[in-house]
Structure formats: structure tokens, C-alpha cells
């Protein structure tokens, strides 16, 4: 649940920041009437993202088991790519996010309302698709579908409230610190999803390398116990991983975590 909550609030806050920047700029240039057009693009992006998430969940129900496992494994790899890209993209490019969005709005305002709708739609749909795929695979990897859905909804609602309060000037948060901490945590979540993907490939028979157990902590942390549920839900912790899963987790966490800790430009969003 914690992983889904942080994915939801981080992705949601990025989307909320984009919406806030667009709305604030439209207000600044005296185009308040265009905010409704902008919001229609946002709503369209949200609806499409929800549809993608539902299709992803429902489309696997009637497929053969090995096919489900392979598709889940591929979707998990895609989610890892999305999450990793999201972390590094925000860290490296957010300092010019405001200026880029303002330039796009200026170009859209010189044309029809459809242009502004398109700007808002494209700005939000990226976050929406990433969120749908990432949350779905995070729920699979941590084994808590219902709790993950609740955590995601809570995270998105929290992001919406924070975004609105920031737009109204009622609250300020240290965005650099927020994205730095959540980014570090999401590296661990991405590592667990990466390891989970190879577990799915092992089960389907697509990958047979290193499929023996690397360790077994079930005697200390029984499968299904409160401790196991909490650790798995919060960090994707595996009590009985294969050698391949352990190698995948360690290599991903070490390489991605090391790159993430390299000094970079501070996040500046005006």
C-alpha cells in the first residue's frame, strides 16, 4: 500500500504541478476563460488513463496461465522503465518545466481552443499512463491488489489537495526534498518490480536460468504473516526469491541507485 501511495502522490503531484502551472499562466496573461478548455484536456487524459488501467487488469483474466505470467512480466519491465524514467526526468528537467509549458501555452493561444486542450492532454496523459502501468505492476509485485488500489487513490487525492493548495498559495513544500526522498524510495520499488518480472518469467518457463532459491526466510518471517505482508507491501520484500530475482534486485538497485545519487541540478519550479 505504501508503494502505491507514493507512486500515486508523486505522479499525481507532478500532474497537479503541470495543471497549476498552466492555470496560473492563463490567469497571468488574462486568459482565465481558457482554463475550462485546459481542464477538458486534463479530464480527457485522466479518463483515458483509467481506461488503460482497466483494460490492462481485465484483459488477462481469460488467458492461459503461462501467457498471463509472460504478459505480466513484460508489463513489469515496462513499469520499471516508466518509473526509472520518471525519477530521472523530474530530477534533471523540472528546472525548465515551467518555461516549456508556458511556451506551449503561448503557441496554443495563438490558434484555436483545441490547441490548448491538446497541450493539457499531452502534458497529463504521460503521467496518467505511467501511473496506470506502474500501479498495476506494483500491486502484482507486492501481492496486495485491494490495498494497492486504496493506497493509489489516497495518494492521488493527497496530490490533488496539495496541488490545489499550492495553486491558491495556501501551502508551500520543498519540492526538491520531496522528489529526492520519494525518488530514492521508488528506486527500491522499481528494483522489486524488476525482480518480480523475472519471477514471472521463471514460472512461465520463458527463463530457466538461476531458478533455484537464493535464500529462505520463511522460518523467521512466515509467508502470510503480518510482518511479511507489511514488508512485501511497503518494499516488495521477498521471503523466498530465486537466485535470478536476487541478482536482478541487487544489480538494479546498485546501478540505478548509484546513478540517482550522482549530484544534479536542483529542482526549481516557479
Protein backbone atom coordinates (compact mmCIF):
# COMPACT_ATOMS: atom_id res chain seq x y z
CA UNK A 1 0.00 0.00 0.00
CA UNK A 2 2.82 2.41 0.87
CA UNK A 3 4.48 1.87 -2.50
CA UNK A 4 1.21 2.50 -4.37
CA UNK A 5 0.51 5.56 -2.21
CA UNK A 6 3.90 7.11 -3.01
CA UNK A 7 3.59 6.30 -6.71
CA UNK A 8 0.13 7.87 -6.66
CA UNK A 9 1.12 11.00 -4.77
CA UNK A 10 4.35 11.52 -6.74
CA UNK A 11 2.76 11.05 -10.16
CA UNK A 12 -0.33 12.92 -9.03
CA UNK A 13 1.71 15.82 -7.71
CA UNK A 14 3.63 16.05 -10.98
CA UNK A 15 0.31 16.21 -12.84
CA UNK A 16 -1.07 18.69 -10.30
CA UNK A 17 2.01 20.91 -10.74
CA UNK A 18 1.54 20.86 -14.50
CA UNK A 19 -2.14 21.80 -14.18
CA UNK A 20 -1.30 24.51 -11.64
CA UNK A 21 1.38 25.98 -13.93
CA UNK A 22 -1.00 26.03 -16.89
CA UNK A 23 -3.86 27.56 -14.91
CA UNK A 24 -1.65 30.16 -13.24
CA UNK A 25 -0.13 31.23 -16.54
CA UNK A 26 -3.52 31.51 -18.24
CA UNK A 27 -4.66 33.69 -15.37
CA UNK A 28 -1.49 35.77 -15.57
CA UNK A 29 -1.95 36.54 -19.28
CA UNK A 30 -5.64 37.36 -18.83
CA UNK A 31 -6.97 34.16 -20.41
CA UNK A 32 -8.99 32.85 -17.47
CA UNK A 33 -11.78 31.81 -19.83
CA UNK A 34 -9.41 29.30 -21.42
CA UNK A 35 -8.96 27.43 -18.14
CA UNK A 36 -12.12 25.45 -18.87
CA UNK A 37 -10.67 24.31 -22.21
CA UNK A 38 -7.45 23.37 -20.48
CA UNK A 39 -9.35 21.35 -17.85
CA UNK A 40 -11.27 19.47 -20.54
CA UNK A 41 -7.93 18.22 -21.88
CA UNK A 42 -6.94 17.19 -18.37
CA UNK A 43 -10.19 15.28 -17.85
CA UNK A 44 -9.79 13.50 -21.19
CA UNK A 45 -6.27 12.41 -20.22
CA UNK A 46 -7.48 11.11 -16.83
CA UNK A 47 -10.35 9.16 -18.39
CA UNK A 48 -8.05 7.56 -20.96
CA UNK A 49 -5.54 6.63 -18.25
CA UNK A 50 -8.27 4.94 -16.18
CA UNK A 51 -9.46 3.03 -19.25
CA UNK A 52 -5.92 1.82 -19.94
CA UNK A 53 -5.62 0.61 -16.35
CA UNK A 54 -8.95 -1.26 -16.53
CA UNK A 55 -8.10 -2.85 -19.87
CA UNK A 56 -4.75 -3.97 -18.51
CA UNK A 57 -6.43 -5.57 -15.49
CA UNK A 58 -9.34 -7.22 -17.28
CA UNK A 59 -7.56 -8.40 -20.43
CA UNK A 60 -5.51 -11.06 -18.61
CA UNK A 61 -8.34 -12.85 -16.82
CA UNK A 62 -9.18 -15.42 -19.52
CA UNK A 63 -5.69 -16.05 -20.87
CA UNK A 64 -3.69 -19.24 -20.22
CA UNK A 65 -1.58 -19.09 -17.08
CA UNK A 66 1.81 -19.03 -18.83
CA UNK A 67 0.58 -16.25 -21.14
CA UNK A 68 -0.60 -14.21 -18.17
CA UNK A 69 2.77 -14.60 -16.50
CA UNK A 70 4.69 -13.55 -19.60
CA UNK A 71 2.47 -10.52 -20.19
CA UNK A 72 2.71 -9.56 -16.51
CA UNK A 73 6.48 -9.90 -16.71
CA UNK A 74 6.70 -7.69 -19.80
CA UNK A 75 4.33 -5.12 -18.22
CA UNK A 76 6.52 -5.15 -15.12
CA UNK A 77 9.63 -4.39 -17.18
CA UNK A 78 7.73 -1.53 -18.86
CA UNK A 79 6.70 -0.23 -15.45
CA UNK A 80 10.32 -0.30 -14.28
CA UNK A 81 11.29 1.72 -17.36
CA UNK A 82 8.48 4.22 -16.73
CA UNK A 83 9.26 4.62 -13.02
CA UNK A 84 13.01 4.97 -13.62
CA UNK A 85 12.49 7.45 -16.45
CA UNK A 86 10.03 9.41 -14.31
CA UNK A 87 12.52 9.68 -11.44
CA UNK A 88 15.42 10.88 -13.57
CA UNK A 89 13.32 13.06 -15.86
CA UNK A 90 11.89 15.06 -12.96
CA UNK A 91 15.29 15.34 -11.32
CA UNK A 92 17.01 16.64 -14.46
CA UNK A 93 14.35 18.59 -16.35
CA UNK A 94 11.98 20.07 -13.81
CA UNK A 95 14.02 23.30 -13.63
CA UNK A 96 12.76 24.15 -17.12
CA UNK A 97 9.28 22.66 -16.78
CA UNK A 98 7.56 26.00 -16.23
CA UNK A 99 9.17 27.77 -19.17
CA UNK A 100 8.46 24.88 -21.54
CA UNK A 101 4.79 24.73 -20.57
CA UNK A 102 4.41 28.50 -20.90
CA UNK A 103 5.89 28.41 -24.39
CA UNK A 104 3.48 25.65 -25.38
CA UNK A 105 0.54 27.65 -23.99
CA UNK A 106 1.63 30.76 -25.91
CA UNK A 107 1.68 28.76 -29.15
CA UNK A 108 -1.70 27.20 -28.37
CA UNK A 109 -3.32 30.55 -27.57
CA UNK A 110 -2.36 31.86 -30.98
CA UNK A 111 -4.58 29.16 -32.54
CA UNK A 112 -7.86 27.52 -31.55
CA UNK A 113 -9.07 26.18 -28.21
CA UNK A 114 -8.24 22.67 -29.45
CA UNK A 115 -4.57 23.58 -29.30
CA UNK A 116 -4.78 24.37 -25.59
CA UNK A 117 -6.79 21.20 -24.96
CA UNK A 118 -4.05 19.27 -26.72
CA UNK A 119 -1.32 20.88 -24.61
CA UNK A 120 -3.10 19.95 -21.38
CA UNK A 121 -3.96 16.46 -22.63
CA UNK A 122 -0.42 15.60 -23.72
CA UNK A 123 1.09 17.07 -20.55
CA UNK A 124 -1.12 14.93 -18.30
CA UNK A 125 -1.53 11.73 -20.32
CA UNK A 126 2.14 10.85 -19.87
CA UNK A 127 1.71 10.93 -16.13
CA UNK A 128 -1.57 9.03 -16.38
CA UNK A 129 -0.23 6.14 -18.47
CA UNK A 130 2.85 5.85 -16.28
CA UNK A 131 0.64 5.80 -13.19
CA UNK A 132 -1.72 3.13 -14.57
CA UNK A 133 1.03 0.72 -15.59
CA UNK A 134 3.21 1.38 -12.55
CA UNK A 135 0.38 0.94 -10.05
CA UNK A 136 -0.87 -2.24 -11.72
CA UNK A 137 2.52 -3.90 -11.66
CA UNK A 138 3.31 -2.61 -8.16
CA UNK A 139 0.09 -4.24 -6.94
CA UNK A 140 1.11 -7.52 -8.61
CA UNK A 141 4.63 -7.38 -7.20
CA UNK A 142 3.53 -6.64 -3.64
CA UNK A 143 0.59 -9.03 -3.72
CA UNK A 144 -2.00 -6.59 -2.35
CA UNK A 145 -4.40 -5.60 -5.10
CA UNK A 146 -7.12 -4.06 -2.91
CA UNK A 147 -4.70 -2.34 -0.55
CA UNK A 148 -2.73 -1.05 -3.53
CA UNK A 149 -5.84 0.41 -5.14
CA UNK A 150 -6.75 2.13 -1.87
CA UNK A 151 -3.19 3.44 -1.46
CA UNK A 152 -3.14 4.73 -5.02
CA UNK A 153 -6.47 6.53 -4.65
CA UNK A 154 -5.33 8.04 -1.36
CA UNK A 155 -2.07 9.17 -2.96
CA UNK A 156 -3.81 10.76 -5.94
CA UNK A 157 -6.32 12.53 -3.68
CA UNK A 158 -3.49 13.81 -1.49
CA UNK A 159 -1.71 15.11 -4.59
CA UNK A 160 -4.88 16.83 -5.80
CA UNK A 161 -5.36 18.59 -2.45
CA UNK A 162 -1.69 19.65 -2.27
CA UNK A 163 -1.76 20.85 -5.87
CA UNK A 164 -4.87 22.95 -5.26
CA UNK A 165 -3.43 24.47 -2.08
CA UNK A 166 -0.22 25.31 -3.94
CA UNK A 167 -2.19 26.94 -6.74
CA UNK A 168 -4.09 29.03 -4.18
CA UNK A 169 -0.81 29.95 -2.46
CA UNK A 170 -2.01 28.41 0.80
CA UNK A 171 0.87 25.97 1.17
CA UNK A 172 4.47 25.61 0.07
CA UNK A 173 6.53 22.45 0.12
CA UNK A 174 10.19 21.78 -0.52
CA UNK A 175 9.77 20.10 -3.90
CA UNK A 176 13.47 19.30 -4.23
CA UNK A 177 13.45 17.38 -0.94
CA UNK A 178 10.09 15.73 -1.69
CA UNK A 179 11.17 14.39 -5.08
CA UNK A 180 14.60 13.39 -3.78
CA UNK A 181 13.18 11.26 -0.95
CA UNK A 182 10.35 9.71 -2.96
CA UNK A 183 12.73 9.11 -5.86
CA UNK A 184 15.10 7.13 -3.63
CA UNK A 185 12.22 5.06 -2.30
CA UNK A 186 10.85 4.41 -5.78
CA UNK A 187 14.24 3.07 -6.86
CA UNK A 188 13.69 0.29 -4.29
CA UNK A 189 10.12 -0.27 -5.52
CA UNK A 190 11.33 -0.43 -9.13
CA UNK A 191 14.00 -2.94 -8.09
CA UNK A 192 11.35 -5.17 -6.50
CA UNK A 193 9.16 -4.95 -9.62
CA UNK A 194 12.19 -5.79 -11.77
CA UNK A 195 12.88 -8.87 -9.65
CA UNK A 196 9.18 -9.79 -9.72
CA UNK A 197 9.22 -9.71 -13.55
CA UNK A 198 11.93 -12.37 -13.66
CA UNK A 199 9.96 -14.45 -11.18
CA UNK A 200 7.06 -14.40 -13.62
CA UNK A 201 9.36 -15.41 -16.48
CA UNK A 202 10.69 -18.26 -14.33
CA UNK A 203 7.19 -19.52 -13.62
CA UNK A 204 6.16 -19.41 -17.27
CA UNK A 205 9.30 -21.27 -18.34
CA UNK A 206 10.47 -18.42 -20.55
CA UNK A 207 13.61 -18.01 -18.42
CA UNK A 208 15.12 -21.02 -16.66
CA UNK A 209 18.45 -19.59 -15.52
CA UNK A 210 19.22 -19.41 -11.79
CA UNK A 211 15.73 -20.55 -10.82
CA UNK A 212 16.87 -22.16 -7.58
CA UNK A 213 16.27 -20.39 -4.23
CA UNK A 214 18.83 -17.83 -3.12
CA UNK A 215 17.63 -17.73 0.49
CA UNK A 216 14.61 -18.73 2.52
CA UNK A 217 13.49 -16.59 5.46
CA UNK A 218 10.09 -18.27 5.85
CA UNK A 219 11.15 -19.77 9.19
CA UNK A 220 11.78 -16.27 10.55
CA UNK A 221 9.13 -14.37 8.55
CA UNK A 222 6.35 -16.84 7.70
CA UNK A 223 4.59 -16.33 4.37
CA UNK A 224 1.26 -14.61 5.02
CA UNK A 225 2.31 -13.28 8.43
CA UNK A 226 1.75 -9.65 9.38
CA UNK A 227 5.47 -8.91 9.09
CA UNK A 228 5.66 -10.49 5.62
CA UNK A 229 2.60 -8.61 4.40
CA UNK A 230 3.96 -5.28 5.67
CA UNK A 231 7.46 -5.81 4.23
CA UNK A 232 6.12 -7.04 0.91
CA UNK A 233 3.56 -4.25 0.66
CA UNK A 234 5.98 -1.49 1.62
CA UNK A 235 9.16 -2.62 -0.13
CA UNK A 236 8.27 -5.58 -2.35
CA UNK A 237 10.33 -7.77 0.02
CA UNK A 238 10.55 -11.46 -1.00
CA UNK A 239 10.84 -14.19 1.61
CA UNK A 240 11.80 -16.93 -0.89
CA UNK A 241 13.30 -15.34 -4.02
CA UNK A 242 15.15 -17.22 -6.72
CA UNK A 243 18.81 -16.61 -7.47
CA UNK A 244 17.81 -14.73 -10.63
CA UNK A 245 15.41 -12.48 -8.70
CA UNK A 246 18.06 -11.67 -6.10
CA UNK A 247 20.64 -10.87 -8.79
CA UNK A 248 18.09 -8.72 -10.63
CA UNK A 249 17.17 -6.78 -7.47
CA UNK A 250 20.76 -6.20 -6.34
CA UNK A 251 22.05 -5.19 -9.77
CA UNK A 252 19.15 -2.83 -10.48
CA UNK A 253 19.25 -1.20 -7.03
CA UNK A 254 23.03 -0.79 -7.13
CA UNK A 255 23.26 0.64 -10.65
CA UNK A 256 20.13 2.81 -10.59
CA UNK A 257 20.63 3.92 -7.01
CA UNK A 258 24.24 4.87 -7.74
CA UNK A 259 23.25 6.92 -10.78
CA UNK A 260 20.43 8.57 -8.84
CA UNK A 261 22.80 9.70 -6.09
CA UNK A 262 25.09 11.48 -8.56
CA UNK A 263 24.85 15.26 -7.87
CA UNK A 264 22.45 17.02 -10.25
CA UNK A 265 20.66 20.31 -10.73
CA UNK A 266 18.22 21.35 -8.07
CA UNK A 267 14.53 21.30 -8.81
CA UNK A 268 13.23 24.81 -9.35
CA UNK A 269 9.54 25.27 -10.17
CA UNK A 270 8.25 28.83 -10.14
